[in-house]
Protein backbone atom coordinates (compact mmCIF):
# COMPACT_ATOMS: atom_id res chain seq x y z
CA MET A 1 68.37 90.69 124.10
CA ILE A 2 66.32 87.87 122.61
CA GLU A 3 65.61 86.33 126.00
CA ALA A 4 64.46 89.67 127.40
CA ALA A 5 62.40 90.48 124.32
CA LEU A 6 60.67 87.08 124.34
CA ALA A 7 59.83 87.47 128.01
CA ALA A 8 58.54 91.01 127.48
CA GLY A 9 56.52 90.14 124.40
CA THR A 10 58.46 92.51 122.13
CA ALA A 11 60.46 89.96 120.14
CA ASP A 12 57.91 89.93 117.32
CA ARG A 13 57.65 93.69 116.80
CA GLN A 14 58.28 94.49 113.14
CA CYS A 15 61.60 96.27 112.77
CA THR A 16 63.90 97.73 110.16
CA PHE A 17 67.67 97.66 110.59
CA GLU A 18 70.10 99.42 108.27
CA VAL A 19 73.80 98.83 107.64
CA PHE A 20 75.82 101.95 106.89
CA SER A 21 79.13 103.66 107.53
CA ARG A 22 79.10 106.92 109.49
CA ARG A 23 82.27 108.12 107.80
CA LEU A 24 84.85 106.90 105.33
CA PRO A 25 88.35 106.07 106.56
CA LEU A 26 90.99 108.81 106.35
CA ARG A 27 91.86 109.82 102.76
CA ARG A 28 89.12 107.61 101.30
CA ARG A 29 86.73 109.31 98.85
CA TYR A 30 84.45 106.27 98.37
CA GLY A 31 83.89 102.72 99.56
CA VAL A 32 83.12 99.58 97.55
CA VAL A 33 80.33 97.19 98.54
CA ALA A 34 81.62 93.63 98.74
CA GLY A 35 80.57 90.46 100.54
CA ILE A 36 76.92 90.43 99.42
CA GLY A 37 77.43 87.15 97.58
CA ARG A 38 79.10 85.58 100.62
CA LEU A 39 76.28 86.83 102.85
CA VAL A 40 73.67 85.15 100.66
CA GLU A 41 75.57 81.86 100.98
CA ARG A 42 75.96 82.11 104.74
CA LEU A 43 72.46 83.30 105.52
CA ALA A 44 70.92 80.32 103.75
CA ASP A 45 72.63 78.02 106.27
CA PHE A 46 72.36 80.23 109.36
CA ARG A 47 70.87 77.82 111.90
CA PHE A 48 71.37 76.77 115.54
CA GLY A 49 71.72 73.03 116.07
CA ASP A 50 72.65 70.94 119.08
CA ALA A 51 76.35 71.77 118.82
CA GLU A 52 75.69 75.52 118.84
CA LEU A 53 73.11 75.41 121.63
CA GLU A 54 75.34 73.22 123.79
CA VAL A 55 77.71 76.17 124.23
CA PHE A 56 75.13 77.95 126.41
CA GLY A 57 74.67 75.03 128.80
CA ASP A 58 72.04 75.71 131.48
CA SER A 59 72.32 79.49 131.13
CA MET A 60 69.71 79.56 128.37
CA SER A 61 66.01 79.35 129.16
CA ALA A 62 63.86 76.70 127.52
CA GLN A 63 61.95 79.44 125.69
CA VAL A 64 65.06 80.89 124.08
CA ARG A 65 66.45 77.43 123.33
CA LYS A 66 63.28 76.51 121.45
CA TRP A 67 63.30 79.84 119.59
CA MET A 68 66.90 79.35 118.49
CA ARG A 69 66.37 75.72 117.51
CA ASP A 70 63.47 76.79 115.26
CA TYR A 71 65.28 79.85 113.90
CA ARG A 72 65.42 80.72 110.25
CA PHE A 73 65.30 84.20 108.79
CA ARG A 74 61.81 84.84 107.33
CA GLY A 75 62.10 88.55 106.66
CA ARG A 76 63.22 90.79 103.83
CA ILE A 77 66.63 92.14 102.89
CA ASP A 78 67.34 94.82 100.30
CA ALA A 79 70.92 95.69 99.39
CA TYR A 80 73.21 97.74 97.19
CA ARG A 81 74.66 95.66 94.36
CA GLU A 82 77.97 94.06 95.09
CA GLY A 83 80.58 96.26 93.44
CA GLU A 84 78.52 99.43 93.95
CA LEU A 85 80.16 102.44 95.60
CA PHE A 86 79.03 103.71 98.98
CA PHE A 87 79.47 106.90 101.00
CA PRO A 88 78.80 108.07 104.57
CA ALA A 89 75.21 107.13 105.58
CA SER A 90 74.60 104.99 102.47
CA PRO A 91 72.16 102.26 103.63
CA VAL A 92 74.01 99.46 101.85
CA LEU A 93 71.78 96.82 103.48
CA ARG A 94 68.23 97.06 104.84
CA VAL A 95 66.95 94.18 106.98
CA GLN A 96 63.25 93.92 107.85
CA GLY A 97 61.45 91.39 110.02
CA THR A 98 60.79 90.73 113.67
CA PHE A 99 63.19 92.25 116.18
CA ALA A 100 64.53 88.88 117.30
CA GLU A 101 65.12 87.39 113.86
CA CYS A 102 66.86 90.54 112.64
CA VAL A 103 68.98 91.43 115.66
CA VAL A 104 70.59 87.99 115.79
CA LEU A 105 72.06 88.60 112.31
CA GLU A 106 74.11 91.65 113.32
CA THR A 107 77.45 89.94 113.88
CA LEU A 108 77.16 87.72 110.81
CA ILE A 109 76.33 90.65 108.54
CA LEU A 110 78.90 93.07 109.94
CA SER A 111 81.74 90.56 110.06
CA ILE A 112 81.29 89.82 106.36
CA LEU A 113 80.62 93.34 105.11
CA ASN A 114 83.21 95.14 107.25
CA HIS A 115 85.95 92.78 106.11
CA ASP A 116 85.06 92.48 102.44
CA CYS A 117 84.14 96.14 101.94
CA ALA A 118 87.45 97.22 103.48
CA ILE A 119 89.47 94.96 101.17
CA ALA A 120 87.47 95.94 98.08
CA SER A 121 87.69 99.65 98.90
CA ALA A 122 91.48 99.47 99.21
CA GLY A 123 91.76 97.22 96.15
CA ALA A 124 89.71 99.55 93.96
CA ARG A 125 92.04 102.45 94.76
CA MET A 126 95.01 100.29 93.80
CA ALA A 127 93.30 99.20 90.58
CA SER A 128 92.51 102.79 89.65
CA VAL A 129 96.15 103.89 89.90
CA ALA A 130 97.58 100.68 88.37
CA ASP A 131 96.10 102.00 85.12
CA GLY A 132 95.58 98.63 83.48
CA ARG A 133 98.76 96.93 84.70
CA THR A 134 98.40 93.50 86.24
CA LEU A 135 97.59 93.23 89.94
CA ILE A 136 98.17 89.97 91.83
CA GLU A 137 96.67 89.55 95.31
CA MET A 138 99.35 87.92 97.50
CA GLY A 139 98.18 88.57 101.05
CA SER A 140 97.23 85.09 102.30
CA ARG A 141 100.16 84.80 104.69
CA ARG A 142 99.15 88.02 106.41
CA ALA A 143 95.56 86.99 107.11
CA HIS A 144 93.44 84.41 108.92
CA GLU A 145 93.14 81.34 106.70
CA GLU A 146 89.43 81.95 105.97
CA ALA A 147 89.81 85.72 105.75
CA ALA A 148 92.53 85.14 103.15
CA VAL A 149 90.05 83.43 100.83
CA ALA A 150 87.47 86.18 101.31
CA ALA A 151 90.15 88.83 100.76
CA ALA A 152 91.14 87.26 97.45
CA ARG A 153 87.50 87.32 96.33
CA ALA A 154 87.05 90.97 97.36
CA ALA A 155 90.28 92.02 95.68
CA TYR A 156 89.25 90.36 92.43
CA LEU A 157 85.88 92.11 92.60
CA ALA A 158 87.76 95.40 93.04
CA GLY A 159 89.82 94.93 89.90
CA PHE A 160 92.74 92.67 90.79
CA ASP A 161 93.58 90.16 88.07
CA SER A 162 94.51 87.09 90.07
CA THR A 163 95.40 85.69 93.50
CA SER A 164 98.05 83.45 94.97
CA ASN A 165 95.32 81.71 97.02
CA ILE A 166 94.32 78.47 95.28
CA GLU A 167 91.31 77.96 97.57
CA ALA A 168 89.87 81.23 96.23
CA GLU A 169 90.10 79.79 92.73
CA ARG A 170 88.42 76.55 93.81
CA ARG A 171 85.67 78.23 95.82
CA TYR A 172 84.99 81.38 93.79
CA GLY A 173 86.71 80.95 90.44
CA VAL A 174 89.25 83.74 91.04
CA PRO A 175 92.15 83.19 88.60
CA SER A 176 95.30 82.10 90.43
CA ALA A 177 98.91 83.06 89.78
CA GLY A 178 102.19 83.12 91.66
CA THR A 179 105.96 82.88 91.61
CA SER A 180 108.51 80.91 93.58
CA ALA A 181 109.83 82.13 96.92
CA HIS A 182 113.37 82.87 98.04
CA ALA A 183 113.34 79.52 99.82
CA PHE A 184 113.38 77.72 96.46
CA THR A 185 116.51 79.56 95.40
CA LEU A 186 118.18 79.00 98.78
CA LEU A 187 117.33 75.30 98.55
CA HIS A 188 119.91 74.97 95.78
CA THR A 189 122.84 75.67 98.06
CA THR A 190 125.67 73.15 98.24
CA GLN A 191 128.97 72.86 100.11
CA ASP A 192 130.43 74.99 97.34
CA GLY A 193 127.95 77.78 97.98
CA PRO A 194 124.73 79.16 96.45
CA ASP A 195 123.73 77.87 93.01
CA GLU A 196 121.12 80.30 91.69
CA ALA A 197 121.43 78.87 88.19
CA ALA A 198 120.44 75.42 89.43
CA ALA A 199 117.33 76.86 91.06
CA PHE A 200 116.32 78.72 87.90
CA ARG A 201 117.04 75.69 85.74
CA ALA A 202 114.86 73.46 87.90
CA GLN A 203 111.97 75.91 87.72
CA VAL A 204 112.24 76.40 83.96
CA ASP A 205 112.58 72.67 83.32
CA ALA A 206 109.39 72.02 85.30
CA LEU A 207 107.29 75.02 84.29
CA GLY A 208 108.67 76.25 80.98
CA THR A 209 110.22 79.53 79.93
CA GLY A 210 106.95 81.38 80.54
CA THR A 211 107.53 81.18 84.30
CA THR A 212 108.52 84.08 86.57
CA LEU A 213 111.95 83.90 88.20
CA LEU A 214 112.68 85.67 91.50
CA VAL A 215 115.99 87.47 90.89
CA ASP A 216 116.76 89.36 94.12
CA THR A 217 117.84 86.56 96.48
CA TYR A 218 121.51 87.50 96.19
CA ASP A 219 122.49 90.17 93.64
CA ILE A 220 119.82 91.45 91.26
CA THR A 221 122.13 92.27 88.36
CA GLN A 222 123.72 88.83 88.50
CA GLY A 223 120.32 87.25 89.07
CA VAL A 224 118.88 88.77 85.88
CA GLU A 225 121.91 87.71 83.88
CA THR A 226 121.68 84.17 85.22
CA ALA A 227 117.93 84.04 84.56
CA ILE A 228 118.38 84.87 80.87
CA GLU A 229 121.37 82.51 80.54
CA VAL A 230 119.19 79.68 81.86
CA ALA A 231 115.78 80.49 80.36
CA GLY A 232 116.74 82.40 77.24
CA THR A 233 115.33 85.65 75.94
CA GLU A 234 111.74 84.33 75.95
CA LEU A 235 111.61 84.19 79.77
CA GLY A 236 108.13 85.20 80.91
CA ALA A 237 109.02 87.51 83.79
CA VAL A 238 111.38 88.36 86.61
CA ARG A 239 110.23 89.43 90.06
CA ILE A 240 111.85 92.00 92.35
CA ASP A 241 110.75 91.82 95.99
CA SER A 242 113.00 94.29 97.80
CA GLY A 243 114.90 97.54 97.59
CA ASP A 244 114.09 100.73 95.72
CA LEU A 245 111.61 99.20 93.31
CA GLY A 246 111.49 102.12 90.91
CA MET A 247 115.24 102.43 90.52
CA LEU A 248 115.67 98.66 90.31
CA ALA A 249 112.90 98.30 87.72
CA ARG A 250 114.66 100.83 85.45
CA GLN A 251 117.98 99.05 85.93
CA VAL A 252 116.50 95.62 85.25
CA ARG A 253 114.57 96.84 82.18
CA ARG A 254 117.76 98.19 80.62
CA GLN A 255 119.60 94.98 81.43
CA LEU A 256 116.86 92.76 80.01
CA ASP A 257 116.70 94.81 76.82
CA ASP A 258 120.51 94.71 76.45
CA LEU A 259 120.35 90.92 76.84
CA GLY A 260 117.70 90.68 74.13
CA ALA A 261 114.85 89.79 76.54
CA THR A 262 112.70 92.68 75.40
CA ARG A 263 109.44 90.82 76.07
CA THR A 264 110.35 89.61 79.56
CA ARG A 265 108.01 91.33 82.01
CA ILE A 266 108.94 92.85 85.37
CA VAL A 267 106.88 92.01 88.46
CA VAL A 268 107.45 93.95 91.68
CA SER A 269 106.24 93.12 95.19
CA GLY A 270 106.95 94.09 98.78
CA ASP A 271 104.61 96.17 101.00
CA LEU A 272 102.92 97.91 98.08
CA ASP A 273 99.85 100.11 98.55
CA GLU A 274 98.02 102.56 96.28
CA TYR A 275 100.55 105.31 96.97
CA ALA A 276 103.53 103.09 96.13
CA ILE A 277 101.76 101.85 92.99
CA ALA A 278 100.99 105.44 91.95
CA GLY A 279 104.64 106.32 92.52
CA LEU A 280 105.70 103.53 90.15
CA ARG A 281 103.42 104.48 87.26
CA ALA A 282 106.28 106.08 85.31
CA GLU A 283 108.55 103.08 85.84
CA PRO A 284 108.86 100.03 83.54
CA VAL A 285 106.78 97.80 85.82
CA ASP A 286 104.36 95.32 84.24
CA ALA A 287 102.72 93.78 87.28
CA TYR A 288 102.33 94.38 91.00
CA GLY A 289 102.12 91.71 93.70
CA VAL A 290 100.20 93.21 96.62
CA GLY A 291 99.78 91.57 100.01
CA THR A 292 100.20 93.08 103.46
CA ARG A 293 98.83 96.53 102.77
CA LEU A 294 95.78 95.15 101.01
CA VAL A 295 94.60 92.55 103.52
CA THR A 296 95.67 94.13 106.83
CA GLY A 297 94.69 97.27 108.71
CA SER A 298 97.66 99.23 107.39
CA GLY A 299 96.22 99.30 103.89
CA ALA A 300 92.58 98.29 104.30
CA PRO A 301 91.19 100.04 107.35
CA THR A 302 87.80 98.86 108.52
CA ALA A 303 84.81 99.95 106.49
CA SER A 304 83.29 101.13 109.81
CA MET A 305 79.93 99.56 109.00
CA VAL A 306 77.31 99.57 111.77
CA TYR A 307 73.96 97.78 112.07
CA LYS A 308 71.31 100.05 113.55
CA LEU A 309 67.60 99.85 114.32
CA VAL A 310 65.83 102.68 112.48
CA GLU A 311 62.13 101.75 112.62
CA VAL A 312 59.79 99.80 114.96
CA ASP A 313 56.24 98.96 113.82
CA GLY A 314 56.45 101.80 111.31
CA ILE A 315 57.66 104.32 113.93
CA PRO A 316 61.02 105.96 113.07
CA VAL A 317 63.60 105.59 115.85
CA ALA A 318 67.08 107.05 116.23
CA LYS A 319 70.05 107.17 118.57
CA ARG A 320 71.01 110.56 119.98
CA SER A 321 74.35 109.51 121.45
CA ALA A 322 77.07 112.10 120.88
CA HIS A 323 78.98 111.48 117.64
CA LYS A 324 76.92 108.31 117.08
CA GLU A 325 73.59 109.74 116.03
CA THR A 326 71.52 107.79 113.51
CA LEU A 327 69.03 108.86 110.86
CA PRO A 328 65.52 107.69 111.78
CA GLY A 329 63.21 105.62 109.60
CA ALA A 330 63.62 103.15 106.76
CA LYS A 331 65.21 104.77 103.71
CA ASP A 332 65.46 104.24 99.97
CA ALA A 333 68.62 105.33 98.17
CA TYR A 334 69.05 106.84 94.73
CA ARG A 335 71.91 108.15 92.63
CA THR A 336 71.51 110.93 90.11
CA TYR A 337 73.58 111.25 86.93
CA ARG A 338 74.41 113.85 84.31
CA SER A 339 73.80 113.15 80.62
CA THR A 340 77.53 112.33 80.37
CA GLY A 341 77.06 109.45 82.83
CA THR A 342 78.92 111.22 85.64
CA ALA A 343 77.25 110.81 89.03
CA LEU A 344 75.94 113.95 90.68
CA GLU A 345 74.86 112.95 94.18
CA GLU A 346 73.36 110.22 96.32
CA VAL A 347 69.92 110.88 97.76
CA LEU A 348 68.31 109.15 100.76
CA ALA A 349 64.52 109.38 100.92
CA PRO A 350 61.92 107.95 103.30
CA ALA A 351 61.09 104.43 102.11
CA GLY A 352 58.30 104.50 99.57
CA ALA A 353 58.36 108.28 99.15
CA ASP A 354 57.68 109.89 95.79
CA VAL A 355 61.04 110.97 94.37
CA SER A 356 59.90 112.03 90.90
CA SER A 357 61.16 115.54 91.66
CA LEU A 358 64.74 114.24 91.64
CA SER A 359 64.65 114.08 87.84
CA GLU A 360 63.72 117.74 87.58
CA GLY A 361 66.37 120.27 86.71
CA SER A 362 68.76 120.66 83.81
CA ARG A 363 71.65 118.78 85.41
CA VAL A 364 69.88 115.48 86.14
CA ALA A 365 69.53 113.11 83.20
CA GLU A 366 68.95 109.86 85.10
CA VAL A 367 67.92 108.69 88.56
CA LEU A 368 68.69 105.11 89.56
CA PRO A 369 67.58 103.25 92.70
CA LEU A 370 70.42 101.62 94.62
CA LEU A 371 68.59 99.13 96.84
CA ASN A 372 67.61 95.82 95.24
CA PRO A 373 65.61 92.90 96.75
CA LEU A 374 67.95 90.23 98.08
CA PHE A 375 65.66 88.13 100.33
CA VAL A 376 61.86 88.10 100.46
CA ASP A 377 60.09 85.96 103.07
CA GLY A 378 63.49 84.58 103.99
CA GLU A 379 64.28 83.29 100.49
CA PRO A 380 66.81 84.67 97.98
CA VAL A 381 65.06 86.39 95.08
CA GLY A 382 66.05 87.00 91.50
CA ASP A 383 69.38 86.16 89.95
CA ILE A 384 72.22 86.99 92.33
CA PRO A 385 74.98 88.58 90.18
CA THR A 386 78.03 86.41 89.66
CA LEU A 387 81.43 87.52 90.92
CA SER A 388 82.45 88.40 87.36
CA GLU A 389 79.30 90.49 86.91
CA SER A 390 79.94 92.29 90.20
CA ARG A 391 83.53 92.92 89.17
CA ALA A 392 82.33 94.51 85.93
CA HIS A 393 79.77 96.58 87.83
CA GLN A 394 82.45 97.87 90.20
CA SER A 395 84.63 98.98 87.30
CA ALA A 396 81.70 100.73 85.65
CA ALA A 397 80.61 102.39 88.91
CA ARG A 398 84.09 103.81 89.48
CA ILE A 399 84.08 105.38 86.02
CA THR A 400 80.94 107.35 86.90
CA MET A 401 82.69 109.21 89.73
CA PRO A 402 83.84 112.82 89.22
CA TRP A 403 87.57 112.88 88.52
CA GLU A 404 88.36 114.63 91.79
CA GLY A 405 86.56 111.82 93.62
CA LEU A 406 89.21 109.34 92.49
CA SER A 407 92.07 111.32 94.01
CA LEU A 408 94.30 109.65 96.59
CA ALA A 409 94.63 112.89 98.52
CA GLU A 410 92.62 113.61 101.63
CA GLY A 411 89.37 115.37 100.85
CA ASP A 412 85.60 115.19 100.78
CA PRO A 413 83.73 112.06 99.65
CA ALA A 414 83.41 111.71 95.88
CA LEU A 415 79.66 112.31 96.13
CA ASN A 416 77.51 114.32 98.49
CA VAL A 417 74.79 112.33 100.27
CA ARG A 418 71.57 114.34 100.57
CA VAL A 419 68.88 113.27 103.02
CA LEU A 420 65.32 114.24 102.15
CA PRO A 421 63.10 115.23 105.09
CA ARG A 422 60.44 112.83 106.32
């Protein structure tokens, strides 16, 4: 596209691209914006050097080669805050500049936002039904090694408390946590057979009684008894990773209490998703370890973000393809709120349009813009919110949703998106 546009003299036409989702995944009532912070980091270093250009060999013209060698983004980007909620058609990112400099960013932007928004959207649903109980992200072994780090960051933004991925702690400051695996217990097998007590003793001796012991390698009832015999009644926690987690949690809680370990917590893990977590709310579970169904397609379907051209030299443009139509023209986005703080609707208006009428009417107490400057003249502007700030914003944004919008059942999006005419 760039080669053809340079040759035709259209590469420098001023364009506006928008990133949005046409629809939310099945049973989702809202999405969570994540990955904005990562995008800022990556865009600052988005360049084409000798190593990148070498891939094209002789297939690239000298004109395109020079353009790519000199490339840096010099346009403007406005975005929803990281942690903000989005709905079908929400323009979560607006990119403005020349056609060539904007179009080359499509894959970078979508690969970050589609991945991180999907993880955060799934994670927020899990956090909402966990109802304050601890959530540990444990999905690294089910993801690409770099995606695993990004997933841990997105999950923390969405309300998870910690991650098993140490690189996420080093790179982003996400608190880390974990327990031993079955392999550690199996390691303590001798010619005389399994020695679960030796495994527990080694872990407690090294890490103290506050550690979490995995008790389901052989027999859970015996495992709990052995854990308390070794660690004492001040053992930090036991983890159950298989079986009927609700029934086992009740059984283990009674056993721990009978043994005097009333403060020993119960951690459960094993293919948990928001529905499984919701089903365990009445059980004596203190923490959930969530992996596969958070970081893979089974639990975090794609955010379905697309990157579409909506304006050329001030002229609105739109696709008319069946089932893939787009809304023409650059847009601003607003959210209206009741006096109680509950959100009413999301409104998309032509960029720069007067929206003072949105505050009229007895129901509307506040109107807030959703798009904020991210890059101006190719440079980051303002103070980019920290991950902790974005995490707090996500929690606050979720609270503003109508109660029915937080349901796990299939239904309409939590908010209606209204498009004002041009």
